[in-house]
PDB file of all heavy atoms in Angstrom:
ATOM      1  N   LEU A   1      12.508   9.568  11.283  1.00  0.00           N
ATOM      2  CA  LEU A   1      12.466   9.871  12.816  1.00  0.00           C
ATOM      3  C   LEU A   1      13.499   9.062  13.456  1.00  0.00           C
ATOM      4  O   LEU A   1      14.078   9.551  14.457  1.00  0.00           O
ATOM      5  CB  LEU A   1      11.089   9.575  13.342  1.00  0.00           C
ATOM      6  CG  LEU A   1      10.037  10.554  12.935  1.00  0.00           C
ATOM      7  CD1 LEU A   1       8.610   9.991  13.306  1.00  0.00           C
ATOM      8  CD2 LEU A   1      10.243  11.924  13.569  1.00  0.00           C
ATOM      9  N   GLN A   2      13.801   7.857  12.953  1.00  0.00           N
ATOM     10  CA  GLN A   2      14.861   7.136  13.599  1.00  0.00           C
ATOM     11  C   GLN A   2      16.308   7.821  13.458  1.00  0.00           C
ATOM     12  O   GLN A   2      17.130   7.933  14.369  1.00  0.00           O
ATOM     13  CB  GLN A   2      15.012   5.794  12.945  1.00  0.00           C
ATOM     14  CG  GLN A   2      16.099   4.858  13.500  1.00  0.00           C
ATOM     15  CD  GLN A   2      16.160   3.456  12.819  1.00  0.00           C
ATOM     16  OE1 GLN A   2      15.523   3.202  11.852  1.00  0.00           O
ATOM     17  NE2 GLN A   2      17.014   2.714  13.320  1.00  0.00           N
ATOM     18  N   LEU A   3      16.517   8.432  12.288  1.00  0.00           N
ATOM     19  CA  LEU A   3      17.641   9.284  12.060  1.00  0.00           C
ATOM     20  C   LEU A   3      17.684  10.423  13.077  1.00  0.00           C
ATOM     21  O   LEU A   3      18.699  10.756  13.658  1.00  0.00           O
ATOM     22  CB  LEU A   3      17.815   9.679  10.620  1.00  0.00           C
ATOM     23  CG  LEU A   3      18.348   8.711   9.603  1.00  0.00           C
ATOM     24  CD1 LEU A   3      18.182   9.300   8.195  1.00  0.00           C
ATOM     25  CD2 LEU A   3      19.881   8.587   9.931  1.00  0.00           C
ATOM     26  N   MET A   4      16.556  11.137  13.153  1.00  0.00           N
ATOM     27  CA  MET A   4      16.527  12.192  14.044  1.00  0.00           C
ATOM     28  C   MET A   4      16.739  11.794  15.530  1.00  0.00           C
ATOM     29  O   MET A   4      17.306  12.601  16.263  1.00  0.00           O
ATOM     30  CB  MET A   4      15.169  12.983  13.911  1.00  0.00           C
ATOM     31  CG  MET A   4      14.980  13.653  12.552  1.00  0.00           C
ATOM     32  SD  MET A   4      16.113  14.958  12.190  1.00  0.00           S
ATOM     33  CE  MET A   4      17.250  14.063  11.118  1.00  0.00           C
ATOM     34  N   GLN A   5      16.204  10.667  15.854  1.00  0.00           N
ATOM     35  CA  GLN A   5      16.482  10.276  17.236  1.00  0.00           C
ATOM     36  C   GLN A   5      17.863   9.933  17.509  1.00  0.00           C
ATOM     37  O   GLN A   5      18.494  10.268  18.484  1.00  0.00           O
ATOM     38  CB  GLN A   5      15.680   8.943  17.500  1.00  0.00           C
ATOM     39  CG  GLN A   5      14.266   9.164  17.863  1.00  0.00           C
ATOM     40  CD  GLN A   5      13.519   7.870  18.167  1.00  0.00           C
ATOM     41  OE1 GLN A   5      13.534   6.939  17.451  1.00  0.00           O
ATOM     42  NE2 GLN A   5      12.833   7.866  19.380  1.00  0.00           N
ATOM     43  N   LEU A   6      18.608   9.338  16.472  1.00  0.00           N
ATOM     44  CA  LEU A   6      20.105   9.077  16.567  1.00  0.00           C
ATOM     45  C   LEU A   6      20.791  10.479  16.807  1.00  0.00           C
ATOM     46  O   LEU A   6      21.928  10.432  17.388  1.00  0.00           O
ATOM     47  CB  LEU A   6      20.576   8.267  15.378  1.00  0.00           C
ATOM     48  CG  LEU A   6      20.104   6.795  15.339  1.00  0.00           C
ATOM     49  CD1 LEU A   6      20.493   6.172  14.010  1.00  0.00           C
ATOM     50  CD2 LEU A   6      20.752   6.045  16.500  1.00  0.00           C
ATOM     51  N   ARG A   7      20.332  11.385  16.184  1.00  0.00           N
ATOM     52  CA  ARG A   7      20.998  12.780  16.221  1.00  0.00           C
ATOM     53  C   ARG A   7      20.642  13.459  17.554  1.00  0.00           C
ATOM     54  O   ARG A   7      21.482  14.073  18.215  1.00  0.00           O
ATOM     55  CB  ARG A   7      20.676  13.622  14.960  1.00  0.00           C
ATOM     56  CG  ARG A   7      21.652  14.775  14.841  1.00  0.00           C
ATOM     57  CD  ARG A   7      21.377  15.483  13.598  1.00  0.00           C
ATOM     58  NE  ARG A   7      20.308  16.350  13.592  1.00  0.00           N
ATOM     59  CZ  ARG A   7      19.775  17.007  12.496  1.00  0.00           C
ATOM     60  NH1 ARG A   7      20.405  16.867  11.341  1.00  0.00           N
ATOM     61  NH2 ARG A   7      18.729  17.786  12.567  1.00  0.00           N
ATOM     62  N   MET A   8      19.386  13.526  17.855  1.00  0.00           N
ATOM     63  CA  MET A   8      18.929  14.298  19.024  1.00  0.00           C
ATOM     64  C   MET A   8      18.908  13.485  20.276  1.00  0.00           C
ATOM     65  O   MET A   8      18.714  14.058  21.362  1.00  0.00           O
ATOM     66  CB  MET A   8      17.553  14.779  18.744  1.00  0.00           C
ATOM     67  CG  MET A   8      17.456  15.756  17.558  1.00  0.00           C
ATOM     68  SD  MET A   8      15.682  16.263  17.238  1.00  0.00           S
ATOM     69  CE  MET A   8      15.233  17.106  18.755  1.00  0.00           C
ATOM     70  N   GLU A   9      19.124  12.139  20.201  1.00  0.00           N
ATOM     71  CA  GLU A   9      19.151  11.150  21.304  1.00  0.00           C
ATOM     72  C   GLU A   9      17.913  11.258  22.139  1.00  0.00           C
ATOM     73  O   GLU A   9      16.855  11.230  21.615  1.00  0.00           O
ATOM     74  CB  GLU A   9      20.518  11.473  22.109  1.00  0.00           C
ATOM     75  CG  GLU A   9      21.740  11.260  21.300  1.00  0.00           C
ATOM     76  CD  GLU A   9      23.001  11.502  22.143  1.00  0.00           C
ATOM     77  OE1 GLU A   9      22.919  12.143  23.128  1.00  0.00           O
ATOM     78  OE2 GLU A   9      24.082  10.911  21.667  1.00  0.00           O
ATOM     79  N   ASP A  10      18.074  11.490  23.471  1.00  0.00           N
ATOM     80  CA  ASP A  10      16.895  11.355  24.376  1.00  0.00           C
ATOM     81  C   ASP A  10      16.070  12.697  24.274  1.00  0.00           C
ATOM     82  O   ASP A  10      15.041  12.776  24.926  1.00  0.00           O
ATOM     83  CB  ASP A  10      17.327  11.034  25.766  1.00  0.00           C
ATOM     84  CG  ASP A  10      18.294  12.170  26.370  1.00  0.00           C
ATOM     85  OD1 ASP A  10      18.618  13.021  25.574  1.00  0.00           O
ATOM     86  OD2 ASP A  10      18.581  12.025  27.578  1.00  0.00           O
ATOM     87  N   ARG A  11      16.437  13.666  23.466  1.00  0.00           N
ATOM     88  CA  ARG A  11      15.583  14.952  23.213  1.00  0.00           C
ATOM     89  C   ARG A  11      14.381  14.606  22.383  1.00  0.00           C
ATOM     90  O   ARG A  11      13.590  15.511  22.295  1.00  0.00           O
ATOM     91  CB  ARG A  11      16.402  16.054  22.831  1.00  0.00           C
ATOM     92  CG  ARG A  11      17.566  16.437  23.792  1.00  0.00           C
ATOM     93  CD  ARG A  11      18.375  17.603  23.115  1.00  0.00           C
ATOM     94  NE  ARG A  11      17.561  18.754  22.813  1.00  0.00           N
ATOM     95  CZ  ARG A  11      17.485  19.136  21.508  1.00  0.00           C
ATOM     96  NH1 ARG A  11      18.128  18.634  20.554  1.00  0.00           N
ATOM     97  NH2 ARG A  11      16.692  20.252  21.276  1.00  0.00           N
ATOM     98  N   LEU A  12      14.419  13.462  21.732  1.00  0.00           N
ATOM     99  CA  LEU A  12      13.310  13.261  20.789  1.00  0.00           C
ATOM    100  C   LEU A  12      12.676  11.897  21.105  1.00  0.00           C
ATOM    101  O   LEU A  12      13.369  10.865  21.118  1.00  0.00           O
ATOM    102  CB  LEU A  12      13.822  13.243  19.312  1.00  0.00           C
ATOM    103  CG  LEU A  12      12.866  12.841  18.286  1.00  0.00           C
ATOM    104  CD1 LEU A  12      11.715  13.865  18.307  1.00  0.00           C
ATOM    105  CD2 LEU A  12      13.474  12.841  16.897  1.00  0.00           C
ATOM    106  N   GLN A  13      11.371  11.936  21.350  1.00  0.00           N
ATOM    107  CA  GLN A  13      10.611  10.735  21.494  1.00  0.00           C
ATOM    108  C   GLN A  13       9.541  10.645  20.280  1.00  0.00           C
ATOM    109  O   GLN A  13       9.139  11.682  19.750  1.00  0.00           O
ATOM    110  CB  GLN A  13       9.804  10.746  22.811  1.00  0.00           C
ATOM    111  CG  GLN A  13      10.625  11.071  24.032  1.00  0.00           C
ATOM    112  CD  GLN A  13      11.649   9.922  24.131  1.00  0.00           C
ATOM    113  OE1 GLN A  13      11.376   8.738  24.022  1.00  0.00           O
ATOM    114  NE2 GLN A  13      12.911  10.312  24.533  1.00  0.00           N
ATOM    115  N   VAL A  14       9.244   9.446  19.985  1.00  0.00           N
ATOM    116  CA  VAL A  14       8.498   9.173  18.734  1.00  0.00           C
ATOM    117  C   VAL A  14       7.323   8.292  19.000  1.00  0.00           C
ATOM    118  O   VAL A  14       7.458   7.232  19.767  1.00  0.00           O
ATOM    119  CB  VAL A  14       9.278   8.610  17.552  1.00  0.00           C
ATOM    120  CG1 VAL A  14       8.450   8.266  16.344  1.00  0.00           C
ATOM    121  CG2 VAL A  14      10.358   9.588  17.063  1.00  0.00           C
ATOM    122  N   CYS A  15       6.223   8.623  18.477  1.00  0.00           N
ATOM    123  CA  CYS A  15       5.019   7.719  18.629  1.00  0.00           C
ATOM    124  C   CYS A  15       4.236   7.715  17.286  1.00  0.00           C
ATOM    125  O   CYS A  15       3.823   8.759  16.764  1.00  0.00           O
ATOM    126  CB  CYS A  15       4.045   8.213  19.766  1.00  0.00           C
ATOM    127  SG  CYS A  15       2.576   7.225  19.908  1.00  0.00           S
ATOM    128  N   ILE A  16       4.023   6.522  16.707  1.00  0.00           N
ATOM    129  CA  ILE A  16       3.411   6.381  15.411  1.00  0.00           C
ATOM    130  C   ILE A  16       2.207   5.397  15.650  1.00  0.00           C
ATOM    131  O   ILE A  16       2.428   4.263  16.033  1.00  0.00           O
ATOM    132  CB  ILE A  16       4.271   5.856  14.307  1.00  0.00           C
ATOM    133  CG1 ILE A  16       5.438   6.783  14.007  1.00  0.00           C
ATOM    134  CG2 ILE A  16       3.590   5.657  13.033  1.00  0.00           C
ATOM    135  CD1 ILE A  16       6.476   6.423  12.973  1.00  0.00           C
ATOM    136  N   GLU A  17       1.037   5.871  15.397  1.00  0.00           N
ATOM    137  CA  GLU A  17      -0.173   5.054  15.566  1.00  0.00           C
ATOM    138  C   GLU A  17      -0.995   5.098  14.369  1.00  0.00           C
ATOM    139  O   GLU A  17      -1.290   6.065  13.778  1.00  0.00           O
ATOM    140  CB  GLU A  17      -0.943   5.587  16.785  1.00  0.00           C
ATOM    141  CG  GLU A  17      -0.246   5.626  18.116  1.00  0.00           C
ATOM    142  CD  GLU A  17      -1.028   6.375  19.157  1.00  0.00           C
ATOM    143  OE1 GLU A  17      -2.068   6.974  18.845  1.00  0.00           O
ATOM    144  OE2 GLU A  17      -0.709   6.286  20.341  1.00  0.00           O
ATOM    145  N   ALA A  18      -1.479   3.898  13.926  1.00  0.00           N
ATOM    146  CA  ALA A  18      -2.208   3.843  12.656  1.00  0.00           C
ATOM    147  C   ALA A  18      -3.236   2.710  12.763  1.00  0.00           C
ATOM    148  O   ALA A  18      -2.905   1.628  13.116  1.00  0.00           O
ATOM    149  CB  ALA A  18      -1.329   3.556  11.420  1.00  0.00           C
ATOM    150  N   GLU A  19      -4.453   2.982  12.551  1.00  0.00           N
ATOM    151  CA  GLU A  19      -5.465   1.836  12.397  1.00  0.00           C
ATOM    152  C   GLU A  19      -5.244   1.106  11.312  1.00  0.00           C
ATOM    153  O   GLU A  19      -4.705   1.579  10.171  1.00  0.00           O
ATOM    154  CB  GLU A  19      -6.874   2.401  12.296  1.00  0.00           C
ATOM    155  CG  GLU A  19      -7.263   3.424  13.558  1.00  0.00           C
ATOM    156  CD  GLU A  19      -8.613   4.001  13.269  1.00  0.00           C
ATOM    157  OE1 GLU A  19      -9.185   3.929  12.211  1.00  0.00           O
ATOM    158  OE2 GLU A  19      -9.110   4.793  14.220  1.00  0.00           O
ATOM    159  N   PRO A  20      -5.487  -0.294  11.204  1.00  0.00           N
ATOM    160  CA  PRO A  20      -5.297  -1.140  10.090  1.00  0.00           C
ATOM    161  C   PRO A  20      -5.917  -0.551   8.790  1.00  0.00           C
ATOM    162  O   PRO A  20      -5.332  -0.622   7.765  1.00  0.00           O
ATOM    163  CB  PRO A  20      -5.881  -2.454  10.482  1.00  0.00           C
ATOM    164  CG  PRO A  20      -5.826  -2.481  12.011  1.00  0.00           C
ATOM    165  CD  PRO A  20      -6.087  -0.957  12.401  1.00  0.00           C
ATOM    166  N   ALA A  21      -7.198  -0.118   8.877  1.00  0.00           N
ATOM    167  CA  ALA A  21      -7.896   0.471   7.668  1.00  0.00           C
ATOM    168  C   ALA A  21      -7.200   1.627   7.226  1.00  0.00           C
ATOM    169  O   ALA A  21      -7.154   1.778   5.929  1.00  0.00           O
ATOM    170  CB  ALA A  21      -9.280   0.711   8.015  1.00  0.00           C
ATOM    171  N   ALA A  22      -6.638   2.457   8.038  1.00  0.00           N
ATOM    172  CA  ALA A  22      -5.932   3.690   7.600  1.00  0.00           C
ATOM    173  C   ALA A  22      -4.631   3.314   6.933  1.00  0.00           C
ATOM    174  O   ALA A  22      -4.245   3.897   5.959  1.00  0.00           O
ATOM    175  CB  ALA A  22      -5.760   4.614   8.773  1.00  0.00           C
ATOM    176  N   ALA A  23      -3.889   2.290   7.577  1.00  0.00           N
ATOM    177  CA  ALA A  23      -2.572   1.936   6.986  1.00  0.00           C
ATOM    178  C   ALA A  23      -2.784   1.378   5.613  1.00  0.00           C
ATOM    179  O   ALA A  23      -1.805   1.454   4.835  1.00  0.00           O
ATOM    180  CB  ALA A  23      -1.846   0.991   7.983  1.00  0.00           C
ATOM    181  N   ALA A  24      -3.762   0.727   5.322  1.00  0.00           N
ATOM    182  CA  ALA A  24      -4.073   0.132   4.066  1.00  0.00           C
ATOM    183  C   ALA A  24      -4.519   1.035   2.956  1.00  0.00           C
ATOM    184  O   ALA A  24      -4.588   0.770   1.871  1.00  0.00           O
ATOM    185  CB  ALA A  24      -4.962  -1.081   4.147  1.00  0.00           C
ATOM    186  N   ALA A  25      -4.879   2.211   3.356  1.00  0.00           N
ATOM    187  CA  ALA A  25      -5.583   3.155   2.495  1.00  0.00           C
ATOM    188  C   ALA A  25      -4.499   3.739   1.494  1.00  0.00           C
ATOM    189  O   ALA A  25      -3.232   3.747   1.784  1.00  0.00           O
ATOM    190  CB  ALA A  25      -6.104   4.423   3.208  1.00  0.00           C
ATOM    191  N   VAL A  26      -4.963   3.990   0.277  1.00  0.00           N
ATOM    192  CA  VAL A  26      -4.088   4.404  -0.884  1.00  0.00           C
ATOM    193  C   VAL A  26      -3.942   6.011  -0.828  1.00  0.00           C
ATOM    194  O   VAL A  26      -4.952   6.625  -0.830  1.00  0.00           O
ATOM    195  CB  VAL A  26      -4.579   3.928  -2.153  1.00  0.00           C
ATOM    196  CG1 VAL A  26      -3.658   4.447  -3.328  1.00  0.00           C
ATOM    197  CG2 VAL A  26      -4.549   2.414  -2.259  1.00  0.00           C
ATOM    198  N   VAL A  27      -2.744   6.425  -0.725  1.00  0.00           N
ATOM    199  CA  VAL A  27      -2.431   7.802  -0.754  1.00  0.00           C
ATOM    200  C   VAL A  27      -1.374   8.235  -1.674  1.00  0.00           C
ATOM    201  O   VAL A  27      -0.551   7.446  -2.025  1.00  0.00           O
ATOM    202  CB  VAL A  27      -2.009   8.343   0.739  1.00  0.00           C
ATOM    203  CG1 VAL A  27      -3.243   8.026   1.615  1.00  0.00           C
ATOM    204  CG2 VAL A  27      -0.815   7.590   1.150  1.00  0.00           C
ATOM    205  N   PRO A  28      -1.201   9.535  -2.110  1.00  0.00           N
ATOM    206  CA  PRO A  28      -0.153  10.049  -2.860  1.00  0.00           C
ATOM    207  C   PRO A  28       1.166   9.943  -1.982  1.00  0.00           C
ATOM    208  O   PRO A  28       1.067  10.068  -0.778  1.00  0.00           O
ATOM    209  CB  PRO A  28      -0.553  11.447  -3.221  1.00  0.00           C
ATOM    210  CG  PRO A  28      -1.952  11.520  -3.009  1.00  0.00           C
ATOM    211  CD  PRO A  28      -2.293  10.544  -1.949  1.00  0.00           C
ATOM    212  N   PRO A  29       2.315   9.780  -2.571  1.00  0.00           N
ATOM    213  CA  PRO A  29       3.575   9.670  -1.812  1.00  0.00           C
ATOM    214  C   PRO A  29       3.972  11.044  -1.210  1.00  0.00           C
ATOM    215  O   PRO A  29       3.537  12.096  -1.701  1.00  0.00           O
ATOM    216  CB  PRO A  29       4.518   9.078  -2.871  1.00  0.00           C
ATOM    217  CG  PRO A  29       4.096   9.592  -4.105  1.00  0.00           C
ATOM    218  CD  PRO A  29       2.556   9.563  -4.004  1.00  0.00           C
TER     219      PRO A  29
END
């Protein structure tokens, strides 16, 4: 998303939210 922001500039806004328990969960890549 950082790359996309550099390309789209102010046309792209990003919001990433994760609970601590969710961020620690094991998932397939």
